[in-house]
Amino acid sequence: MQIVVKGHHGRVPESIKERAAAKLEKVQRFYPRILTLEIEFSENGGNRAAIVKHQVNVTATAKAHVLRASARGPDPLTAVDRVVGKLETQVRRLKGKVTRKGRASGPGAPSIRTSS
């Protein structure tokens, strides 16, 4: 899995990049078909300097699916924790849909024949 970390309107320290990548790598154990993870950090400040919000956007790309999640927090690592929770929910839901879709065929599946 390829992980790309970007900073929007700013530079992201290496320590935050590494911790975010390590936390988001765990999402792959739920759905191993994820090919790339793109993590984007941005800082959204208002008129007051005390209300600086950090936003993290994550785009996970699989073969036929694209999952996106974003979260905000008072610091980057809190935002990463929140976005990991959202992305895990989406990945679990996707895996459930994919596995349910494949169960309809096979030797043990019920047939849809009508008797005449």
PDB file of N, CA and C in Angstrom:
ATOM      1  N   MET A   1       0.843  -1.165   0.000  1.00  0.00           N
ATOM      2  CA  MET A   1       0.000   0.000   0.000  1.00  0.00           C
ATOM      3  C   MET A   1       0.896   1.238   0.000  1.00  0.00           C
ATOM      4  N   GLN A   2       0.540   2.179  -0.852  1.00  0.00           N
ATOM      5  CA  GLN A   2       1.297   3.418  -0.967  1.00  0.00           C
ATOM      6  C   GLN A   2       0.613   4.505  -0.133  1.00  0.00           C
ATOM      7  N   ILE A   3       1.403   5.235   0.647  1.00  0.00           N
ATOM      8  CA  ILE A   3       0.862   6.300   1.484  1.00  0.00           C
ATOM      9  C   ILE A   3       1.503   7.622   1.063  1.00  0.00           C
ATOM     10  N   VAL A   4       0.636   8.602   0.732  1.00  0.00           N
ATOM     11  CA  VAL A   4       1.095   9.923   0.327  1.00  0.00           C
ATOM     12  C   VAL A   4       0.606  10.922   1.367  1.00  0.00           C
ATOM     13  N   VAL A   5       1.531  11.709   1.918  1.00  0.00           N
ATOM     14  CA  VAL A   5       1.182  12.699   2.940  1.00  0.00           C
ATOM     15  C   VAL A   5       1.469  14.081   2.379  1.00  0.00           C
ATOM     16  N   LYS A   6       0.459  14.965   2.442  1.00  0.00           N
ATOM     17  CA  LYS A   6       0.589  16.320   1.910  1.00  0.00           C
ATOM     18  C   LYS A   6       0.247  17.332   2.983  1.00  0.00           C
ATOM     19  N   GLY A   7       0.777  18.516   2.825  1.00  0.00           N
ATOM     20  CA  GLY A   7       0.420  19.637   3.676  1.00  0.00           C
ATOM     21  C   GLY A   7      -0.175  20.735   2.823  1.00  0.00           C
ATOM     22  N   HIS A   8      -1.346  21.198   3.175  1.00  0.00           N
ATOM     23  CA  HIS A   8      -2.027  22.244   2.406  1.00  0.00           C
ATOM     24  C   HIS A   8      -1.813  23.562   3.145  1.00  0.00           C
ATOM     25  N   HIS A   9      -1.176  24.534   2.517  1.00  0.00           N
ATOM     26  CA  HIS A   9      -0.871  25.834   3.113  1.00  0.00           C
ATOM     27  C   HIS A   9       0.025  25.693   4.345  1.00  0.00           C
ATOM     28  N   GLY A  10       0.993  24.830   4.266  1.00  0.00           N
ATOM     29  CA  GLY A  10       1.911  24.684   5.392  1.00  0.00           C
ATOM     30  C   GLY A  10       2.744  23.425   5.280  1.00  0.00           C
ATOM     31  N   ARG A  11       3.710  23.324   6.168  1.00  0.00           N
ATOM     32  CA  ARG A  11       4.593  22.178   6.189  1.00  0.00           C
ATOM     33  C   ARG A  11       4.190  21.266   7.330  1.00  0.00           C
ATOM     34  N   VAL A  12       4.234  19.972   7.086  1.00  0.00           N
ATOM     35  CA  VAL A  12       3.862  18.985   8.095  1.00  0.00           C
ATOM     36  C   VAL A  12       5.154  18.375   8.651  1.00  0.00           C
ATOM     37  N   PRO A  13       5.347  18.406   9.974  1.00  0.00           N
ATOM     38  CA  PRO A  13       6.560  17.809  10.558  1.00  0.00           C
ATOM     39  C   PRO A  13       6.622  16.299  10.321  1.00  0.00           C
ATOM     40  N   GLU A  14       7.835  15.794  10.229  1.00  0.00           N
ATOM     41  CA  GLU A  14       8.048  14.365   9.961  1.00  0.00           C
ATOM     42  C   GLU A  14       7.425  13.478  11.037  1.00  0.00           C
ATOM     43  N   SER A  15       7.473  13.908  12.285  1.00  0.00           N
ATOM     44  CA  SER A  15       6.936  13.086  13.367  1.00  0.00           C
ATOM     45  C   SER A  15       5.420  12.897  13.204  1.00  0.00           C
ATOM     46  N   ILE A  16       4.728  13.941  12.794  1.00  0.00           N
ATOM     47  CA  ILE A  16       3.276  13.837  12.585  1.00  0.00           C
ATOM     48  C   ILE A  16       2.982  12.975  11.359  1.00  0.00           C
ATOM     49  N   LYS A  17       3.794  13.122  10.315  1.00  0.00           N
ATOM     50  CA  LYS A  17       3.612  12.290   9.119  1.00  0.00           C
ATOM     51  C   LYS A  17       3.736  10.807   9.462  1.00  0.00           C
ATOM     52  N   GLU A  18       4.768  10.468  10.217  1.00  0.00           N
ATOM     53  CA  GLU A  18       5.015   9.066  10.557  1.00  0.00           C
ATOM     54  C   GLU A  18       3.913   8.495  11.442  1.00  0.00           C
ATOM     55  N   ARG A  19       3.476   9.265  12.437  1.00  0.00           N
ATOM     56  CA  ARG A  19       2.422   8.771  13.332  1.00  0.00           C
ATOM     57  C   ARG A  19       1.101   8.625  12.604  1.00  0.00           C
ATOM     58  N   ALA A  20       0.790   9.561  11.702  1.00  0.00           N
ATOM     59  CA  ALA A  20      -0.455   9.472  10.931  1.00  0.00           C
ATOM     60  C   ALA A  20      -0.416   8.267   9.995  1.00  0.00           C
ATOM     61  N   ALA A  21       0.706   8.046   9.342  1.00  0.00           N
ATOM     62  CA  ALA A  21       0.835   6.905   8.437  1.00  0.00           C
ATOM     63  C   ALA A  21       0.715   5.594   9.203  1.00  0.00           C
ATOM     64  N   ALA A  22       1.310   5.531  10.388  1.00  0.00           N
ATOM     65  CA  ALA A  22       1.237   4.302  11.187  1.00  0.00           C
ATOM     66  C   ALA A  22      -0.197   4.018  11.623  1.00  0.00           C
ATOM     67  N   LYS A  23      -0.936   5.048  12.007  1.00  0.00           N
ATOM     68  CA  LYS A  23      -2.316   4.847  12.437  1.00  0.00           C
ATOM     69  C   LYS A  23      -3.215   4.457  11.269  1.00  0.00           C
ATOM     70  N   LEU A  24      -2.983   5.056  10.111  1.00  0.00           N
ATOM     71  CA  LEU A  24      -3.845   4.767   8.970  1.00  0.00           C
ATOM     72  C   LEU A  24      -3.481   3.463   8.271  1.00  0.00           C
ATOM     73  N   GLU A  25      -2.281   2.939   8.492  1.00  0.00           N
ATOM     74  CA  GLU A  25      -1.925   1.629   7.935  1.00  0.00           C
ATOM     75  C   GLU A  25      -2.799   0.530   8.520  1.00  0.00           C
ATOM     76  N   LYS A  26      -3.286   0.733   9.729  1.00  0.00           N
ATOM     77  CA  LYS A  26      -4.109  -0.278  10.389  1.00  0.00           C
ATOM     78  C   LYS A  26      -5.442  -0.481   9.695  1.00  0.00           C
ATOM     79  N   VAL A  27      -5.869   0.481   8.903  1.00  0.00           N
ATOM     80  CA  VAL A  27      -7.135   0.356   8.176  1.00  0.00           C
ATOM     81  C   VAL A  27      -7.036  -0.767   7.141  1.00  0.00           C
ATOM     82  N   GLN A  28      -5.835  -1.024   6.652  1.00  0.00           N
ATOM     83  CA  GLN A  28      -5.658  -2.042   5.616  1.00  0.00           C
ATOM     84  C   GLN A  28      -5.966  -3.443   6.125  1.00  0.00           C
ATOM     85  N   ARG A  29      -5.871  -3.684   7.412  1.00  0.00           N
ATOM     86  CA  ARG A  29      -6.161  -5.031   7.910  1.00  0.00           C
ATOM     87  C   ARG A  29      -7.650  -5.364   7.792  1.00  0.00           C
ATOM     88  N   PHE A  30      -8.507  -4.335   7.722  1.00  0.00           N
ATOM     89  CA  PHE A  30      -9.932  -4.589   7.524  1.00  0.00           C
ATOM     90  C   PHE A  30     -10.248  -4.880   6.062  1.00  0.00           C
ATOM     91  N   TYR A  31      -9.539  -4.237   5.152  1.00  0.00           N
ATOM     92  CA  TYR A  31      -9.775  -4.424   3.723  1.00  0.00           C
ATOM     93  C   TYR A  31      -8.424  -4.356   3.019  1.00  0.00           C
ATOM     94  N   PRO A  32      -7.776  -5.488   2.795  1.00  0.00           N
ATOM     95  CA  PRO A  32      -6.408  -5.480   2.261  1.00  0.00           C
ATOM     96  C   PRO A  32      -6.289  -5.060   0.796  1.00  0.00           C
ATOM     97  N   ARG A  33      -7.394  -4.803   0.114  1.00  0.00           N
ATOM     98  CA  ARG A  33      -7.332  -4.410  -1.291  1.00  0.00           C
ATOM     99  C   ARG A  33      -7.114  -2.913  -1.486  1.00  0.00           C
ATOM    100  N   ILE A  34      -6.896  -2.176  -0.420  1.00  0.00           N
ATOM    101  CA  ILE A  34      -6.628  -0.747  -0.547  1.00  0.00           C
ATOM    102  C   ILE A  34      -5.249  -0.566  -1.170  1.00  0.00           C
ATOM    103  N   LEU A  35      -5.192   0.220  -2.242  1.00  0.00           N
ATOM    104  CA  LEU A  35      -3.940   0.421  -2.963  1.00  0.00           C
ATOM    105  C   LEU A  35      -3.177   1.659  -2.491  1.00  0.00           C
ATOM    106  N   THR A  36      -3.892   2.791  -2.331  1.00  0.00           N
ATOM    107  CA  THR A  36      -3.227   4.016  -1.915  1.00  0.00           C
ATOM    108  C   THR A  36      -4.032   4.736  -0.840  1.00  0.00           C
ATOM    109  N   LEU A  37      -3.325   5.409   0.026  1.00  0.00           N
ATOM    110  CA  LEU A  37      -3.911   6.292   1.027  1.00  0.00           C
ATOM    111  C   LEU A  37      -3.287   7.662   0.834  1.00  0.00           C
ATOM    112  N   GLU A  38      -4.114   8.664   0.650  1.00  0.00           N
ATOM    113  CA  GLU A  38      -3.628  10.028   0.489  1.00  0.00           C
ATOM    114  C   GLU A  38      -4.106  10.840   1.688  1.00  0.00           C
ATOM    115  N   ILE A  39      -3.179  11.361   2.465  1.00  0.00           N
ATOM    116  CA  ILE A  39      -3.485  12.107   3.689  1.00  0.00           C
ATOM    117  C   ILE A  39      -3.120  13.564   3.449  1.00  0.00           C
ATOM    118  N   GLU A  40      -4.072  14.458   3.673  1.00  0.00           N
ATOM    119  CA  GLU A  40      -3.821  15.881   3.480  1.00  0.00           C
ATOM    120  C   GLU A  40      -4.108  16.638   4.777  1.00  0.00           C
ATOM    121  N   PHE A  41      -3.120  17.360   5.256  1.00  0.00           N
ATOM    122  CA  PHE A  41      -3.251  18.166   6.463  1.00  0.00           C
ATOM    123  C   PHE A  41      -3.464  19.617   6.053  1.00  0.00           C
ATOM    124  N   SER A  42      -4.394  20.297   6.718  1.00  0.00           N
ATOM    125  CA  SER A  42      -4.562  21.729   6.500  1.00  0.00           C
ATOM    126  C   SER A  42      -4.910  22.391   7.817  1.00  0.00           C
ATOM    127  N   GLU A  43      -4.575  23.650   7.888  1.00  0.00           N
ATOM    128  CA  GLU A  43      -4.805  24.418   9.105  1.00  0.00           C
ATOM    129  C   GLU A  43      -5.813  25.505   8.775  1.00  0.00           C
ATOM    130  N   ASN A  44      -6.974  25.469   9.429  1.00  0.00           N
ATOM    131  CA  ASN A  44      -8.020  26.455   9.190  1.00  0.00           C
ATOM    132  C   ASN A  44      -8.139  27.348  10.405  1.00  0.00           C
ATOM    133  N   GLY A  45      -7.631  28.535  10.309  1.00  0.00           N
ATOM    134  CA  GLY A  45      -7.718  29.467  11.422  1.00  0.00           C
ATOM    135  C   GLY A  45      -8.756  30.532  11.137  1.00  0.00           C
ATOM    136  N   GLY A  46      -9.398  31.000  12.159  1.00  0.00           N
ATOM    137  CA  GLY A  46     -10.374  32.060  12.007  1.00  0.00           C
ATOM    138  C   GLY A  46      -9.734  33.414  12.252  1.00  0.00           C
ATOM    139  N   ASN A  47     -10.526  34.382  12.648  1.00  0.00           N
ATOM    140  CA  ASN A  47     -10.004  35.699  12.968  1.00  0.00           C
ATOM    141  C   ASN A  47      -9.230  35.691  14.277  1.00  0.00           C
ATOM    142  N   ARG A  48      -9.567  34.783  15.145  1.00  0.00           N
ATOM    143  CA  ARG A  48      -8.870  34.684  16.425  1.00  0.00           C
ATOM    144  C   ARG A  48      -7.782  33.623  16.339  1.00  0.00           C
ATOM    145  N   ALA A  49      -6.633  33.931  16.848  1.00  0.00           N
ATOM    146  CA  ALA A  49      -5.503  32.998  16.765  1.00  0.00           C
ATOM    147  C   ALA A  49      -5.697  31.783  17.668  1.00  0.00           C
ATOM    148  N   ALA A  50      -6.542  31.901  18.698  1.00  0.00           N
ATOM    149  CA  ALA A  50      -6.737  30.791  19.627  1.00  0.00           C
ATOM    150  C   ALA A  50      -7.628  29.706  19.040  1.00  0.00           C
ATOM    151  N   ILE A  51      -8.343  30.010  17.964  1.00  0.00           N
ATOM    152  CA  ILE A  51      -9.276  29.033  17.394  1.00  0.00           C
ATOM    153  C   ILE A  51      -8.680  28.434  16.122  1.00  0.00           C
ATOM    154  N   VAL A  52      -7.519  27.890  16.219  1.00  0.00           N
ATOM    155  CA  VAL A  52      -6.902  27.244  15.068  1.00  0.00           C
ATOM    156  C   VAL A  52      -7.373  25.808  15.037  1.00  0.00           C
ATOM    157  N   LYS A  53      -7.978  25.423  13.947  1.00  0.00           N
ATOM    158  CA  LYS A  53      -8.448  24.055  13.782  1.00  0.00           C
ATOM    159  C   LYS A  53      -7.580  23.365  12.743  1.00  0.00           C
ATOM    160  N   HIS A  54      -7.240  22.153  13.029  1.00  0.00           N
ATOM    161  CA  HIS A  54      -6.486  21.344  12.080  1.00  0.00           C
ATOM    162  C   HIS A  54      -7.455  20.376  11.420  1.00  0.00           C
ATOM    163  N   GLN A  55      -7.375  20.297  10.113  1.00  0.00           N
ATOM    164  CA  GLN A  55      -8.250  19.404   9.368  1.00  0.00           C
ATOM    165  C   GLN A  55      -7.400  18.371   8.642  1.00  0.00           C
ATOM    166  N   VAL A  56      -7.898  17.134   8.647  1.00  0.00           N
ATOM    167  CA  VAL A  56      -7.224  16.039   7.955  1.00  0.00           C
ATOM    168  C   VAL A  56      -8.217  15.419   6.983  1.00  0.00           C
ATOM    169  N   ASN A  57      -7.830  15.339   5.715  1.00  0.00           N
ATOM    170  CA  ASN A  57      -8.632  14.679   4.684  1.00  0.00           C
ATOM    171  C   ASN A  57      -7.885  13.429   4.236  1.00  0.00           C
ATOM    172  N   VAL A  58      -8.595  12.312   4.164  1.00  0.00           N
ATOM    173  CA  VAL A  58      -7.983  11.055   3.737  1.00  0.00           C
ATOM    174  C   VAL A  58      -8.774  10.495   2.578  1.00  0.00           C
ATOM    175  N   THR A  59      -8.068  10.073   1.538  1.00  0.00           N
ATOM    176  CA  THR A  59      -8.679   9.410   0.396  1.00  0.00           C
ATOM    177  C   THR A  59      -8.037   8.037   0.264  1.00  0.00           C
ATOM    178  N   ALA A  60      -8.856   6.998   0.388  1.00  0.00           N
ATOM    179  CA  ALA A  60      -8.378   5.622   0.239  1.00  0.00           C
ATOM    180  C   ALA A  60      -8.876   5.097  -1.100  1.00  0.00           C
ATOM    181  N   THR A  61      -7.971   4.574  -1.904  1.00  0.00           N
ATOM    182  CA  THR A  61      -8.324   4.089  -3.229  1.00  0.00           C
ATOM    183  C   THR A  61      -8.096   2.588  -3.292  1.00  0.00           C
ATOM    184  N   ALA A  62      -9.153   1.858  -3.646  1.00  0.00           N
ATOM    185  CA  ALA A  62      -9.052   0.423  -3.906  1.00  0.00           C
ATOM    186  C   ALA A  62      -9.234   0.237  -5.410  1.00  0.00           C
ATOM    187  N   LYS A  63      -9.334  -0.997  -5.843  1.00  0.00           N
ATOM    188  CA  LYS A  63      -9.408  -1.257  -7.278  1.00  0.00           C
ATOM    189  C   LYS A  63     -10.628  -0.598  -7.922  1.00  0.00           C
ATOM    190  N   ALA A  64     -11.786  -0.726  -7.318  1.00  0.00           N
ATOM    191  CA  ALA A  64     -12.991  -0.169  -7.925  1.00  0.00           C
ATOM    192  C   ALA A  64     -13.718   0.790  -6.996  1.00  0.00           C
ATOM    193  N   HIS A  65     -13.097   1.175  -5.902  1.00  0.00           N
ATOM    194  CA  HIS A  65     -13.772   2.003  -4.906  1.00  0.00           C
ATOM    195  C   HIS A  65     -12.854   3.126  -4.436  1.00  0.00           C
ATOM    196  N   VAL A  66     -13.474   4.255  -4.106  1.00  0.00           N
ATOM    197  CA  VAL A  66     -12.756   5.380  -3.524  1.00  0.00           C
ATOM    198  C   VAL A  66     -13.506   5.779  -2.263  1.00  0.00           C
ATOM    199  N   LEU A  67     -12.789   5.829  -1.142  1.00  0.00           N
ATOM    200  CA  LEU A  67     -13.380   6.217   0.136  1.00  0.00           C
ATOM    201  C   LEU A  67     -12.729   7.508   0.597  1.00  0.00           C
ATOM    202  N   ARG A  68     -13.559   8.440   1.064  1.00  0.00           N
ATOM    203  CA  ARG A  68     -13.037   9.711   1.557  1.00  0.00           C
ATOM    204  C   ARG A  68     -13.572   9.980   2.949  1.00  0.00           C
ATOM    205  N   ALA A  69     -12.728  10.552   3.786  1.00  0.00           N
ATOM    206  CA  ALA A  69     -13.135  10.938   5.137  1.00  0.00           C
ATOM    207  C   ALA A  69     -12.349  12.181   5.528  1.00  0.00           C
ATOM    208  N   SER A  70     -12.990  13.047   6.315  1.00  0.00           N
ATOM    209  CA  SER A  70     -12.294  14.227   6.815  1.00  0.00           C
ATOM    210  C   SER A  70     -12.746  14.486   8.241  1.00  0.00           C
ATOM    211  N   ALA A  71     -11.848  15.089   9.022  1.00  0.00           N
ATOM    212  CA  ALA A  71     -12.146  15.396  10.416  1.00  0.00           C
ATOM    213  C   ALA A  71     -11.315  16.587  10.846  1.00  0.00           C
ATOM    214  N   ARG A  72     -11.822  17.273  11.871  1.00  0.00           N
ATOM    215  CA  ARG A  72     -11.120  18.422  12.426  1.00  0.00           C
ATOM    216  C   ARG A  72     -10.809  18.169  13.887  1.00  0.00           C
ATOM    217  N   GLY A  73      -9.818  18.892  14.381  1.00  0.00           N
ATOM    218  CA  GLY A  73      -9.469  18.786  15.781  1.00  0.00           C
ATOM    219  C   GLY A  73      -8.593  19.950  16.205  1.00  0.00           C
ATOM    220  N   PRO A  74      -8.384  20.096  17.505  1.00  0.00           N
ATOM    221  CA  PRO A  74      -7.546  21.193  17.988  1.00  0.00           C
ATOM    222  C   PRO A  74      -6.065  21.009  17.646  1.00  0.00           C
ATOM    223  N   ASP A  75      -5.650  19.761  17.419  1.00  0.00           N
ATOM    224  CA  ASP A  75      -4.284  19.485  16.985  1.00  0.00           C
ATOM    225  C   ASP A  75      -4.327  18.392  15.917  1.00  0.00           C
ATOM    226  N   PRO A  76      -3.269  18.237  15.132  1.00  0.00           N
ATOM    227  CA  PRO A  76      -3.307  17.294  14.009  1.00  0.00           C
ATOM    228  C   PRO A  76      -3.549  15.843  14.415  1.00  0.00           C
ATOM    229  N   LEU A  77      -2.976  15.397  15.515  1.00  0.00           N
ATOM    230  CA  LEU A  77      -3.121  13.996  15.903  1.00  0.00           C
ATOM    231  C   LEU A  77      -4.540  13.672  16.365  1.00  0.00           C
ATOM    232  N   THR A  78      -5.219  14.621  16.983  1.00  0.00           N
ATOM    233  CA  THR A  78      -6.620  14.410  17.347  1.00  0.00           C
ATOM    234  C   THR A  78      -7.461  14.287  16.092  1.00  0.00           C
ATOM    235  N   ALA A  79      -7.183  15.120  15.095  1.00  0.00           N
ATOM    236  CA  ALA A  79      -7.911  15.041  13.827  1.00  0.00           C
ATOM    237  C   ALA A  79      -7.642  13.701  13.138  1.00  0.00           C
ATOM    238  N   VAL A  80      -6.402  13.212  13.234  1.00  0.00           N
ATOM    239  CA  VAL A  80      -6.073  11.913  12.630  1.00  0.00           C
ATOM    240  C   VAL A  80      -6.846  10.797  13.323  1.00  0.00           C
ATOM    241  N   ASP A  81      -6.922  10.827  14.650  1.00  0.00           N
ATOM    242  CA  ASP A  81      -7.677   9.810  15.380  1.00  0.00           C
ATOM    243  C   ASP A  81      -9.144   9.797  14.951  1.00  0.00           C
ATOM    244  N   ARG A  82      -9.723  10.973  14.789  1.00  0.00           N
ATOM    245  CA  ARG A  82     -11.127  11.058  14.383  1.00  0.00           C
ATOM    246  C   ARG A  82     -11.334  10.547  12.966  1.00  0.00           C
ATOM    247  N   VAL A  83     -10.420  10.879  12.069  1.00  0.00           N
ATOM    248  CA  VAL A  83     -10.581  10.446  10.681  1.00  0.00           C
ATOM    249  C   VAL A  83     -10.349   8.938  10.548  1.00  0.00           C
ATOM    250  N   VAL A  84      -9.492   8.367  11.389  1.00  0.00           N
ATOM    251  CA  VAL A  84      -9.281   6.913  11.366  1.00  0.00           C
ATOM    252  C   VAL A  84     -10.577   6.193  11.740  1.00  0.00           C
ATOM    253  N   GLY A  85     -11.269   6.686  12.746  1.00  0.00           N
ATOM    254  CA  GLY A  85     -12.548   6.079  13.136  1.00  0.00           C
ATOM    255  C   GLY A  85     -13.571   6.125  12.015  1.00  0.00           C
ATOM    256  N   LYS A  86     -13.655   7.263  11.332  1.00  0.00           N
ATOM    257  CA  LYS A  86     -14.606   7.397  10.224  1.00  0.00           C
ATOM    258  C   LYS A  86     -14.241   6.469   9.072  1.00  0.00           C
ATOM    259  N   LEU A  87     -12.958   6.419   8.752  1.00  0.00           N
ATOM    260  CA  LEU A  87     -12.525   5.585   7.635  1.00  0.00           C
ATOM    261  C   LEU A  87     -12.694   4.100   7.940  1.00  0.00           C
ATOM    262  N   GLU A  88     -12.441   3.690   9.175  1.00  0.00           N
ATOM    263  CA  GLU A  88     -12.655   2.288   9.553  1.00  0.00           C
ATOM    264  C   GLU A  88     -14.116   1.897   9.377  1.00  0.00           C
ATOM    265  N   THR A  89     -15.027   2.778   9.745  1.00  0.00           N
ATOM    266  CA  THR A  89     -16.454   2.495   9.566  1.00  0.00           C
ATOM    267  C   THR A  89     -16.778   2.294   8.091  1.00  0.00           C
ATOM    268  N   GLN A  90     -16.262   3.172   7.237  1.00  0.00           N
ATOM    269  CA  GLN A  90     -16.528   3.057   5.806  1.00  0.00           C
ATOM    270  C   GLN A  90     -15.928   1.780   5.226  1.00  0.00           C
ATOM    271  N   VAL A  91     -14.722   1.437   5.660  1.00  0.00           N
ATOM    272  CA  VAL A  91     -14.049   0.242   5.130  1.00  0.00           C
ATOM    273  C   VAL A  91     -14.792  -1.020   5.560  1.00  0.00           C
ATOM    274  N   ARG A  92     -15.236  -1.074   6.801  1.00  0.00           N
ATOM    275  CA  ARG A  92     -15.997  -2.243   7.259  1.00  0.00           C
ATOM    276  C   ARG A  92     -17.299  -2.388   6.482  1.00  0.00           C
ATOM    277  N   ARG A  93     -17.976  -1.273   6.240  1.00  0.00           N
ATOM    278  CA  ARG A  93     -19.225  -1.311   5.476  1.00  0.00           C
ATOM    279  C   ARG A  93     -18.961  -1.786   4.044  1.00  0.00           C
ATOM    280  N   LEU A  94     -17.881  -1.290   3.426  1.00  0.00           N
ATOM    281  CA  LEU A  94     -17.532  -1.702   2.069  1.00  0.00           C
ATOM    282  C   LEU A  94     -17.203  -3.186   2.018  1.00  0.00           C
ATOM    283  N   LYS A  95     -16.440  -3.668   2.980  1.00  0.00           N
ATOM    284  CA  LYS A  95     -16.082  -5.086   2.989  1.00  0.00           C
ATOM    285  C   LYS A  95     -17.320  -5.953   3.154  1.00  0.00           C
ATOM    286  N   GLY A  96     -18.260  -5.520   3.983  1.00  0.00           N
ATOM    287  CA  GLY A  96     -19.510  -6.262   4.141  1.00  0.00           C
ATOM    288  C   GLY A  96     -20.290  -6.328   2.840  1.00  0.00           C
ATOM    289  N   LYS A  97     -20.348  -5.224   2.120  1.00  0.00           N
ATOM    290  CA  LYS A  97     -21.060  -5.213   0.841  1.00  0.00           C
ATOM    291  C   LYS A  97     -20.389  -6.119  -0.181  1.00  0.00           C
ATOM    292  N   VAL A  98     -19.063  -6.072  -0.232  1.00  0.00           N
ATOM    293  CA  VAL A  98     -18.328  -6.873  -1.210  1.00  0.00           C
ATOM    294  C   VAL A  98     -18.475  -8.354  -0.911  1.00  0.00           C
ATOM    295  N   THR A  99     -18.382  -8.751   0.359  1.00  0.00           N
ATOM    296  CA  THR A  99     -18.485 -10.174   0.681  1.00  0.00           C
ATOM    297  C   THR A  99     -19.922 -10.674   0.536  1.00  0.00           C
ATOM    298  N   ARG A 100     -20.907  -9.850   0.847  1.00  0.00           N
ATOM    299  CA  ARG A 100     -22.298 -10.274   0.662  1.00  0.00           C
ATOM    300  C   ARG A 100     -22.628 -10.446  -0.810  1.00  0.00           C
ATOM    301  N   LYS A 101     -22.053  -9.600  -1.641  1.00  0.00           N
ATOM    302  CA  LYS A 101     -22.328  -9.668  -3.075  1.00  0.00           C
ATOM    303  C   LYS A 101     -21.792 -10.971  -3.667  1.00  0.00           C
ATOM    304  N   GLY A 102     -20.682 -11.461  -3.168  1.00  0.00           N
ATOM    305  CA  GLY A 102     -20.077 -12.670  -3.701  1.00  0.00           C
ATOM    306  C   GLY A 102     -20.688 -13.951  -3.188  1.00  0.00           C
ATOM    307  N   ARG A 103     -21.521 -13.903  -2.170  1.00  0.00           N
ATOM    308  CA  ARG A 103     -22.077 -15.123  -1.586  1.00  0.00           C
ATOM    309  C   ARG A 103     -23.199 -15.733  -2.409  1.00  0.00           C
ATOM    310  N   ALA A 104     -23.769 -15.001  -3.318  1.00  0.00           N
ATOM    311  CA  ALA A 104     -24.922 -15.503  -4.059  1.00  0.00           C
ATOM    312  C   ALA A 104     -24.548 -16.590  -5.066  1.00  0.00           C
ATOM    313  N   SER A 105     -23.285 -16.715  -5.415  1.00  0.00           N
ATOM    314  CA  SER A 105     -22.899 -17.737  -6.381  1.00  0.00           C
ATOM    315  C   SER A 105     -22.028 -18.778  -5.689  1.00  0.00           C
ATOM    316  N   GLY A 106     -21.999 -19.938  -6.229  1.00  0.00           N
ATOM    317  CA  GLY A 106     -21.181 -20.994  -5.662  1.00  0.00           C
ATOM    318  C   GLY A 106     -21.985 -22.263  -5.495  1.00  0.00           C
ATOM    319  N   PRO A 107     -21.341 -23.347  -5.071  1.00  0.00           N
ATOM    320  CA  PRO A 107     -22.025 -24.633  -4.989  1.00  0.00           C
ATOM    321  C   PRO A 107     -23.118 -24.686  -3.923  1.00  0.00           C
ATOM    322  N   GLY A 108     -23.014 -23.907  -2.865  1.00  0.00           N
ATOM    323  CA  GLY A 108     -24.014 -23.978  -1.798  1.00  0.00           C
ATOM    324  C   GLY A 108     -25.112 -22.940  -1.916  1.00  0.00           C
ATOM    325  N   ALA A 109     -25.102 -22.155  -2.973  1.00  0.00           N
ATOM    326  CA  ALA A 109     -26.072 -21.077  -3.103  1.00  0.00           C
ATOM    327  C   ALA A 109     -27.419 -21.625  -3.570  1.00  0.00           C
ATOM    328  N   PRO A 110     -28.509 -21.028  -3.121  1.00  0.00           N
ATOM    329  CA  PRO A 110     -29.832 -21.480  -3.565  1.00  0.00           C
ATOM    330  C   PRO A 110     -30.052 -21.138  -5.034  1.00  0.00           C
ATOM    331  N   SER A 111     -30.770 -21.991  -5.705  1.00  0.00           N
ATOM    332  CA  SER A 111     -31.027 -21.742  -7.121  1.00  0.00           C
ATOM    333  C   SER A 111     -32.301 -20.897  -7.276  1.00  0.00           C
ATOM    334  N   ILE A 112     -32.391 -20.226  -8.388  1.00  0.00           N
ATOM    335  CA  ILE A 112     -33.537 -19.345  -8.627  1.00  0.00           C
ATOM    336  C   ILE A 112     -34.414 -19.958  -9.736  1.00  0.00           C
ATOM    337  N   ARG A 113     -34.410 -21.226  -9.871  1.00  0.00           N
ATOM    338  CA  ARG A 113     -35.199 -21.865 -10.920  1.00  0.00           C
ATOM    339  C   ARG A 113     -36.662 -21.941 -10.531  1.00  0.00           C
ATOM    340  N   THR A 114     -37.499 -21.840 -11.485  1.00  0.00           N
ATOM    341  CA  THR A 114     -38.934 -21.991 -11.239  1.00  0.00           C
ATOM    342  C   THR A 114     -39.359 -23.367 -11.759  1.00  0.00           C
ATOM    343  N   SER A 115     -40.243 -23.997 -11.056  1.00  0.00           N
ATOM    344  CA  SER A 115     -40.689 -25.328 -11.504  1.00  0.00           C
ATOM    345  C   SER A 115     -41.817 -25.143 -12.518  1.00  0.00           C
ATOM    346  N   SER A 116     -41.831 -26.007 -13.518  1.00  0.00           N
ATOM    347  CA  SER A 116     -42.887 -25.911 -14.523  1.00  0.00           C
ATOM    348  C   SER A 116     -43.665 -27.183 -14.639  1.00  0.00           C
TER     349      SER A 116
END
